């Protein structure tokens, strides 16, 4: 990734300008009239969120939704205590130890079993090289997942059933947000970013080229006003 920041992020750094934007919108796009500020929890050096990403816009705050595509699932056997979920990263973002994760259901409002992340390991060889092996306790695991499913962060504070997703997307991010080497204090907004959100666009979004690809069916239901174009 070239080290530069998008126009809507501010802070201080010496930048090397390059090109990373992938055009995903067809035609002329009209975002909702009032956008928002990126949730300050994500305002940090190196953070990147691509255009077309699933986001929740509420009270002028944009919260990104991280959906990790499942590549494989291995349940504990014998004396083993951990289930292993192999996932693709999302623009460099991965779950962290201690996070609660859950399977993304048929809709973002669906509930399910949440599990605490016990470990995260980058796979450096084999068929799934470059993916991550995420371990959770077999005794307090997620709902059954298979290749092609997606997992995301849960709002749960303890493992168990009937848990909800932490973020429920209601739109697509219109423009890239990338901080590059910008630095600052998110709490005082000396590093921050703004964004625009799209809920209606009938000319189309190349959804499979966006971070929404892993949850395109859920996004189609949640944001029906945007036409998804498959490539």
C-alpha atoms as a PDB file:
ATOM      1  CA  UNK A   1       0.000   0.000   0.000  1.00  0.00           C
ATOM      2  CA  UNK A   2       1.493   3.386  -0.965  1.00  0.00           C
ATOM      3  CA  UNK A   3       1.956   5.652   2.046  1.00  0.00           C
ATOM      4  CA  UNK A   4      -0.473   8.502   1.539  1.00  0.00           C
ATOM      5  CA  UNK A   5      -3.710   9.617   3.118  1.00  0.00           C
ATOM      6  CA  UNK A   6      -7.058  10.390   1.550  1.00  0.00           C
ATOM      7  CA  UNK A   7      -8.328  13.960   1.231  1.00  0.00           C
ATOM      8  CA  UNK A   8     -10.808  13.516   4.065  1.00  0.00           C
ATOM      9  CA  UNK A   9      -8.257  12.520   6.735  1.00  0.00           C
ATOM     10  CA  UNK A  10      -6.077  15.007   8.574  1.00  0.00           C
ATOM     11  CA  UNK A  11      -3.066  14.901  10.888  1.00  0.00           C
ATOM     12  CA  UNK A  12       0.658  15.458  10.474  1.00  0.00           C
ATOM     13  CA  UNK A  13       3.275  13.421   8.598  1.00  0.00           C
ATOM     14  CA  UNK A  14       5.704  13.411   5.703  1.00  0.00           C
ATOM     15  CA  UNK A  15       3.857  11.539   2.982  1.00  0.00           C
ATOM     16  CA  UNK A  16       4.878   9.588  -0.098  1.00  0.00           C
ATOM     17  CA  UNK A  17       2.082  10.043  -2.616  1.00  0.00           C
ATOM     18  CA  UNK A  18       0.969   7.043  -4.680  1.00  0.00           C
ATOM     19  CA  UNK A  19      -2.147   5.438  -6.134  1.00  0.00           C
ATOM     20  CA  UNK A  20      -4.212   2.781  -4.383  1.00  0.00           C
ATOM     21  CA  UNK A  21      -7.818   3.648  -5.190  1.00  0.00           C
ATOM     22  CA  UNK A  22      -9.852   0.953  -6.948  1.00  0.00           C
ATOM     23  CA  UNK A  23     -12.870   2.459  -8.811  1.00  0.00           C
ATOM     24  CA  UNK A  24     -15.976   0.517  -7.754  1.00  0.00           C
ATOM     25  CA  UNK A  25     -18.906   2.860  -8.447  1.00  0.00           C
ATOM     26  CA  UNK A  26     -20.634   2.994 -11.833  1.00  0.00           C
ATOM     27  CA  UNK A  27     -22.143   6.246 -13.051  1.00  0.00           C
ATOM     28  CA  UNK A  28     -22.690   9.330 -10.922  1.00  0.00           C
ATOM     29  CA  UNK A  29     -23.129   8.597  -7.223  1.00  0.00           C
ATOM     30  CA  UNK A  30     -25.194  10.696  -4.803  1.00  0.00           C
ATOM     31  CA  UNK A  31     -24.416   9.930  -1.151  1.00  0.00           C
ATOM     32  CA  UNK A  32     -26.876  10.737   1.628  1.00  0.00           C
ATOM     33  CA  UNK A  33     -26.941  14.516   2.259  1.00  0.00           C
ATOM     34  CA  UNK A  34     -25.172  14.399   5.605  1.00  0.00           C
ATOM     35  CA  UNK A  35     -22.202  12.065   6.056  1.00  0.00           C
ATOM     36  CA  UNK A  36     -20.225  11.516   9.198  1.00  0.00           C
ATOM     37  CA  UNK A  37     -16.937  11.292  11.029  1.00  0.00           C
ATOM     38  CA  UNK A  38     -15.145   7.964  11.294  1.00  0.00           C
ATOM     39  CA  UNK A  39     -15.542   6.442  14.749  1.00  0.00           C
ATOM     40  CA  UNK A  40     -12.470   7.644  16.625  1.00  0.00           C
ATOM     41  CA  UNK A  41     -11.655   4.079  17.681  1.00  0.00           C
ATOM     42  CA  UNK A  42     -10.352   3.553  14.137  1.00  0.00           C
ATOM     43  CA  UNK A  43      -8.564   6.885  13.646  1.00  0.00           C
ATOM     44  CA  UNK A  44      -4.968   5.677  13.649  1.00  0.00           C
ATOM     45  CA  UNK A  45      -1.882   5.601  11.481  1.00  0.00           C
ATOM     46  CA  UNK A  46      -2.178   3.074   8.666  1.00  0.00           C
ATOM     47  CA  UNK A  47      -5.938   2.474   8.962  1.00  0.00           C
ATOM     48  CA  UNK A  48      -7.551   1.843   5.568  1.00  0.00           C
ATOM     49  CA  UNK A  49     -11.194   1.356   4.650  1.00  0.00           C
ATOM     50  CA  UNK A  50     -12.015   0.990   0.978  1.00  0.00           C
ATOM     51  CA  UNK A  51     -14.872   2.498  -0.976  1.00  0.00           C
ATOM     52  CA  UNK A  52     -17.913   0.237  -0.966  1.00  0.00           C
ATOM     53  CA  UNK A  53     -17.204  -1.069   2.526  1.00  0.00           C
ATOM     54  CA  UNK A  54     -20.245  -1.869   4.686  1.00  0.00           C
ATOM     55  CA  UNK A  55     -20.726   0.820   7.330  1.00  0.00           C
ATOM     56  CA  UNK A  56     -23.244   1.964   9.887  1.00  0.00           C
ATOM     57  CA  UNK A  57     -24.055   5.676   9.826  1.00  0.00           C
ATOM     58  CA  UNK A  58     -25.816   6.929  12.944  1.00  0.00           C
ATOM     59  CA  UNK A  59     -25.704  10.287  14.703  1.00  0.00           C
ATOM     60  CA  UNK A  60     -23.102  11.502  12.161  1.00  0.00           C
ATOM     61  CA  UNK A  61     -20.655   8.738  13.183  1.00  0.00           C
ATOM     62  CA  UNK A  62     -19.444   6.139  10.686  1.00  0.00           C
ATOM     63  CA  UNK A  63     -18.675   2.712  12.112  1.00  0.00           C
ATOM     64  CA  UNK A  64     -16.969   0.191   9.810  1.00  0.00           C
ATOM     65  CA  UNK A  65     -18.253  -3.363   9.641  1.00  0.00           C
ATOM     66  CA  UNK A  66     -15.547  -6.013   9.378  1.00  0.00           C
ATOM     67  CA  UNK A  67     -16.619  -9.193   7.608  1.00  0.00           C
ATOM     68  CA  UNK A  68     -13.988 -11.906   7.325  1.00  0.00           C
ATOM     69  CA  UNK A  69     -14.612 -14.617   4.777  1.00  0.00           C
ATOM     70  CA  UNK A  70     -14.235 -18.132   6.167  1.00  0.00           C
ATOM     71  CA  UNK A  71     -11.830 -20.341   4.219  1.00  0.00           C
ATOM     72  CA  UNK A  72     -11.981 -23.430   6.449  1.00  0.00           C
ATOM     73  CA  UNK A  73     -13.194 -24.636   9.826  1.00  0.00           C
ATOM     74  CA  UNK A  74     -11.634 -27.356  11.984  1.00  0.00           C
ATOM     75  CA  UNK A  75     -13.464 -28.473  15.114  1.00  0.00           C
ATOM     76  CA  UNK A  76     -11.514 -29.802  18.075  1.00  0.00           C
ATOM     77  CA  UNK A  77     -11.242 -33.576  18.279  1.00  0.00           C
ATOM     78  CA  UNK A  78     -10.071 -35.930  20.993  1.00  0.00           C
ATOM     79  CA  UNK A  79      -8.214 -34.056  23.715  1.00  0.00           C
ATOM     80  CA  UNK A  80      -8.081 -30.805  21.721  1.00  0.00           C
ATOM     81  CA  UNK A  81      -9.814 -27.792  23.253  1.00  0.00           C
ATOM     82  CA  UNK A  82      -9.806 -25.242  20.429  1.00  0.00           C
ATOM     83  CA  UNK A  83     -11.765 -24.861  17.209  1.00  0.00           C
ATOM     84  CA  UNK A  84      -9.860 -23.169  14.390  1.00  0.00           C
ATOM     85  CA  UNK A  85     -11.521 -20.809  11.905  1.00  0.00           C
ATOM     86  CA  UNK A  86      -9.334 -19.917   8.921  1.00  0.00           C
ATOM     87  CA  UNK A  87     -10.202 -16.515   7.484  1.00  0.00           C
ATOM     88  CA  UNK A  88      -9.048 -14.012   4.896  1.00  0.00           C
ATOM     89  CA  UNK A  89      -7.999 -10.634   6.252  1.00  0.00           C
ATOM     90  CA  UNK A  90      -9.975  -7.492   5.396  1.00  0.00           C
ATOM     91  CA  UNK A  91      -7.595  -4.857   4.072  1.00  0.00           C
ATOM     92  CA  UNK A  92      -5.097  -5.810   6.756  1.00  0.00           C
ATOM     93  CA  UNK A  93      -7.655  -5.914   9.585  1.00  0.00           C
ATOM     94  CA  UNK A  94      -8.048  -9.114  11.610  1.00  0.00           C
ATOM     95  CA  UNK A  95      -9.735 -10.042  14.907  1.00  0.00           C
ATOM     96  CA  UNK A  96      -7.631  -9.608  18.038  1.00  0.00           C
ATOM     97  CA  UNK A  97      -7.214 -11.905  21.010  1.00  0.00           C
ATOM     98  CA  UNK A  98     -10.044 -11.176  23.428  1.00  0.00           C
ATOM     99  CA  UNK A  99     -12.467  -9.981  20.747  1.00  0.00           C
ATOM    100  CA  UNK A 100     -15.829 -11.698  20.562  1.00  0.00           C
ATOM    101  CA  UNK A 101     -16.710 -12.976  17.114  1.00  0.00           C
ATOM    102  CA  UNK A 102     -19.761 -14.644  15.611  1.00  0.00           C
ATOM    103  CA  UNK A 103     -21.065 -15.971  12.311  1.00  0.00           C
ATOM    104  CA  UNK A 104     -22.868 -13.427  10.168  1.00  0.00           C
ATOM    105  CA  UNK A 105     -26.384 -14.760   9.673  1.00  0.00           C
ATOM    106  CA  UNK A 106     -28.726 -14.258   6.734  1.00  0.00           C
ATOM    107  CA  UNK A 107     -29.358 -10.714   7.975  1.00  0.00           C
ATOM    108  CA  UNK A 108     -27.361  -8.306  10.095  1.00  0.00           C
ATOM    109  CA  UNK A 109     -30.120  -8.416  12.694  1.00  0.00           C
ATOM    110  CA  UNK A 110     -29.749 -12.191  13.111  1.00  0.00           C
ATOM    111  CA  UNK A 111     -28.418 -13.404  16.441  1.00  0.00           C
ATOM    112  CA  UNK A 112     -26.061 -16.293  17.072  1.00  0.00           C
ATOM    113  CA  UNK A 113     -23.333 -17.799  19.232  1.00  0.00           C
ATOM    114  CA  UNK A 114     -20.400 -15.562  20.105  1.00  0.00           C
ATOM    115  CA  UNK A 115     -16.959 -16.836  21.089  1.00  0.00           C
ATOM    116  CA  UNK A 116     -13.844 -15.177  22.483  1.00  0.00           C
ATOM    117  CA  UNK A 117     -10.759 -15.198  20.266  1.00  0.00           C
ATOM    118  CA  UNK A 118      -8.044 -17.250  21.982  1.00  0.00           C
ATOM    119  CA  UNK A 119      -5.277 -16.838  19.390  1.00  0.00           C
ATOM    120  CA  UNK A 120      -4.593 -15.501  15.897  1.00  0.00           C
ATOM    121  CA  UNK A 121      -1.870 -16.933  13.657  1.00  0.00           C
ATOM    122  CA  UNK A 122      -0.752 -15.883  10.187  1.00  0.00           C
ATOM    123  CA  UNK A 123      -0.384 -18.916   7.937  1.00  0.00           C
ATOM    124  CA  UNK A 124       2.904 -18.762   6.044  1.00  0.00           C
ATOM    125  CA  UNK A 125       2.665 -21.972   4.030  1.00  0.00           C
ATOM    126  CA  UNK A 126       0.187 -24.447   2.572  1.00  0.00           C
ATOM    127  CA  UNK A 127      -2.985 -23.931   0.565  1.00  0.00           C
ATOM    128  CA  UNK A 128      -4.182 -21.146   2.870  1.00  0.00           C
ATOM    129  CA  UNK A 129      -0.925 -19.192   2.990  1.00  0.00           C
ATOM    130  CA  UNK A 130      -1.620 -15.538   3.785  1.00  0.00           C
ATOM    131  CA  UNK A 131      -4.813 -16.330   5.660  1.00  0.00           C
ATOM    132  CA  UNK A 132      -5.221 -16.298   9.435  1.00  0.00           C
ATOM    133  CA  UNK A 133      -6.051 -19.159  11.793  1.00  0.00           C
ATOM    134  CA  UNK A 134      -8.354 -17.844  14.522  1.00  0.00           C
ATOM    135  CA  UNK A 135      -8.839 -20.134  17.519  1.00  0.00           C
ATOM    136  CA  UNK A 136     -11.811 -20.192  19.891  1.00  0.00           C
ATOM    137  CA  UNK A 137     -12.722 -22.534  22.714  1.00  0.00           C
ATOM    138  CA  UNK A 138     -14.546 -25.627  21.472  1.00  0.00           C
ATOM    139  CA  UNK A 139     -16.701 -25.529  24.612  1.00  0.00           C
ATOM    140  CA  UNK A 140     -17.859 -21.976  23.812  1.00  0.00           C
ATOM    141  CA  UNK A 141     -17.572 -21.766  20.049  1.00  0.00           C
ATOM    142  CA  UNK A 142     -19.465 -20.001  17.261  1.00  0.00           C
ATOM    143  CA  UNK A 143     -22.329 -21.426  15.229  1.00  0.00           C
ATOM    144  CA  UNK A 144     -21.205 -23.952  12.624  1.00  0.00           C
ATOM    145  CA  UNK A 145     -19.382 -22.247   9.762  1.00  0.00           C
ATOM    146  CA  UNK A 146     -18.035 -23.441   6.441  1.00  0.00           C
ATOM    147  CA  UNK A 147     -16.068 -21.998   3.539  1.00  0.00           C
ATOM    148  CA  UNK A 148     -17.791 -18.961   2.082  1.00  0.00           C
ATOM    149  CA  UNK A 149     -19.484 -17.911   5.326  1.00  0.00           C
ATOM    150  CA  UNK A 150     -18.416 -14.749   7.112  1.00  0.00           C
ATOM    151  CA  UNK A 151     -17.619 -13.908  10.710  1.00  0.00           C
ATOM    152  CA  UNK A 152     -17.646 -10.502  12.339  1.00  0.00           C
ATOM    153  CA  UNK A 153     -17.265  -8.786  15.675  1.00  0.00           C
ATOM    154  CA  UNK A 154     -20.040  -9.297  18.205  1.00  0.00           C
ATOM    155  CA  UNK A 155     -21.396  -6.851  20.759  1.00  0.00           C
ATOM    156  CA  UNK A 156     -21.150  -9.663  23.325  1.00  0.00           C
ATOM    157  CA  UNK A 157     -19.094  -9.231  26.489  1.00  0.00           C
ATOM    158  CA  UNK A 158     -19.196 -12.963  27.227  1.00  0.00           C
ATOM    159  CA  UNK A 159     -19.448 -16.090  25.127  1.00  0.00           C
ATOM    160  CA  UNK A 160     -22.896 -17.543  24.594  1.00  0.00           C
ATOM    161  CA  UNK A 161     -25.973 -17.753  22.407  1.00  0.00           C
ATOM    162  CA  UNK A 162     -28.433 -15.133  21.170  1.00  0.00           C
ATOM    163  CA  UNK A 163     -25.713 -12.516  20.682  1.00  0.00           C
ATOM    164  CA  UNK A 164     -25.846  -9.631  18.212  1.00  0.00           C
ATOM    165  CA  UNK A 165     -23.361  -8.112  15.818  1.00  0.00           C
ATOM    166  CA  UNK A 166     -21.439  -5.107  17.108  1.00  0.00           C
ATOM    167  CA  UNK A 167     -22.198  -3.089  13.956  1.00  0.00           C
ATOM    168  CA  UNK A 168     -25.266  -3.376  11.732  1.00  0.00           C
ATOM    169  CA  UNK A 169     -24.504  -1.792   8.337  1.00  0.00           C
ATOM    170  CA  UNK A 170     -27.045   0.553   6.766  1.00  0.00           C
ATOM    171  CA  UNK A 171     -25.001   1.857   3.849  1.00  0.00           C
ATOM    172  CA  UNK A 172     -21.857   1.623   1.735  1.00  0.00           C
ATOM    173  CA  UNK A 173     -18.830   3.869   2.225  1.00  0.00           C
ATOM    174  CA  UNK A 174     -18.607   6.152  -0.801  1.00  0.00           C
ATOM    175  CA  UNK A 175     -14.951   7.152  -0.630  1.00  0.00           C
ATOM    176  CA  UNK A 176     -11.744   5.491   0.561  1.00  0.00           C
ATOM    177  CA  UNK A 177     -10.528   6.422   4.034  1.00  0.00           C
ATOM    178  CA  UNK A 178      -6.787   5.945   4.484  1.00  0.00           C
ATOM    179  CA  UNK A 179      -4.575   7.611   7.083  1.00  0.00           C
ATOM    180  CA  UNK A 180      -1.205   6.597   5.675  1.00  0.00           C
ATOM    181  CA  UNK A 181       1.473   7.928   8.039  1.00  0.00           C
ATOM    182  CA  UNK A 182      -0.729  10.609   9.565  1.00  0.00           C
ATOM    183  CA  UNK A 183      -0.514  10.771  13.330  1.00  0.00           C
ATOM    184  CA  UNK A 184      -2.333  12.523  16.144  1.00  0.00           C
ATOM    185  CA  UNK A 185      -4.655  12.050  19.100  1.00  0.00           C
ATOM    186  CA  UNK A 186      -8.036  10.609  18.181  1.00  0.00           C
ATOM    187  CA  UNK A 187      -9.595  11.789  21.439  1.00  0.00           C
ATOM    188  CA  UNK A 188      -8.812  15.430  20.642  1.00  0.00           C
ATOM    189  CA  UNK A 189      -9.511  14.922  16.928  1.00  0.00           C
ATOM    190  CA  UNK A 190      -6.018  15.940  15.844  1.00  0.00           C
ATOM    191  CA  UNK A 191      -6.309  12.810  13.714  1.00  0.00           C
ATOM    192  CA  UNK A 192      -9.703  12.126  12.183  1.00  0.00           C
ATOM    193  CA  UNK A 193     -11.509  11.398   8.937  1.00  0.00           C
ATOM    194  CA  UNK A 194     -14.852  12.205   7.390  1.00  0.00           C
ATOM    195  CA  UNK A 195     -16.823  10.013   5.031  1.00  0.00           C
ATOM    196  CA  UNK A 196     -19.881   9.876   2.820  1.00  0.00           C
ATOM    197  CA  UNK A 197     -22.378   7.006   2.797  1.00  0.00           C
ATOM    198  CA  UNK A 198     -24.467   5.671  -0.085  1.00  0.00           C
ATOM    199  CA  UNK A 199     -27.895   4.112   0.386  1.00  0.00           C
ATOM    200  CA  UNK A 200     -29.395   4.619  -3.076  1.00  0.00           C
ATOM    201  CA  UNK A 201     -27.566   4.131  -6.359  1.00  0.00           C
ATOM    202  CA  UNK A 202     -29.252   2.397  -9.285  1.00  0.00           C
ATOM    203  CA  UNK A 203     -26.324   2.609 -11.706  1.00  0.00           C
ATOM    204  CA  UNK A 204     -24.416   0.028  -9.737  1.00  0.00           C
ATOM    205  CA  UNK A 205     -21.596  -0.929  -7.407  1.00  0.00           C
ATOM    206  CA  UNK A 206     -18.960  -3.513  -8.382  1.00  0.00           C
ATOM    207  CA  UNK A 207     -19.560  -5.185  -5.053  1.00  0.00           C
ATOM    208  CA  UNK A 208     -17.108  -8.059  -5.492  1.00  0.00           C
ATOM    209  CA  UNK A 209     -14.255  -5.539  -5.687  1.00  0.00           C
ATOM    210  CA  UNK A 210     -15.207  -4.044  -2.327  1.00  0.00           C
ATOM    211  CA  UNK A 211     -14.928  -5.039   1.343  1.00  0.00           C
ATOM    212  CA  UNK A 212     -18.663  -5.877   1.146  1.00  0.00           C
ATOM    213  CA  UNK A 213     -17.958  -8.923  -1.035  1.00  0.00           C
ATOM    214  CA  UNK A 214     -18.107 -11.435   1.831  1.00  0.00           C
ATOM    215  CA  UNK A 215     -21.555 -10.198   2.906  1.00  0.00           C
ATOM    216  CA  UNK A 216     -23.031  -9.075  -0.411  1.00  0.00           C
ATOM    217  CA  UNK A 217     -26.299 -10.938   0.109  1.00  0.00           C
ATOM    218  CA  UNK A 218     -26.790  -9.382   3.554  1.00  0.00           C
ATOM    219  CA  UNK A 219     -25.913  -5.950   2.144  1.00  0.00           C
ATOM    220  CA  UNK A 220     -28.405  -6.401  -0.701  1.00  0.00           C
ATOM    221  CA  UNK A 221     -31.121  -6.964   1.900  1.00  0.00           C
ATOM    222  CA  UNK A 222     -29.981  -4.191   4.238  1.00  0.00           C
ATOM    223  CA  UNK A 223     -29.375  -1.582   1.514  1.00  0.00           C
ATOM    224  CA  UNK A 224     -31.709  -2.562  -1.350  1.00  0.00           C
ATOM    225  CA  UNK A 225     -31.442   0.856  -2.990  1.00  0.00           C
ATOM    226  CA  UNK A 226     -27.923   0.116  -4.253  1.00  0.00           C
ATOM    227  CA  UNK A 227     -27.664  -2.127  -7.327  1.00  0.00           C
ATOM    228  CA  UNK A 228     -24.947  -4.747  -6.918  1.00  0.00           C
ATOM    229  CA  UNK A 229     -23.099  -5.549 -10.154  1.00  0.00           C
ATOM    230  CA  UNK A 230     -21.198  -8.853 -10.131  1.00  0.00           C
ATOM    231  CA  UNK A 231     -17.904  -9.214 -11.974  1.00  0.00           C
END
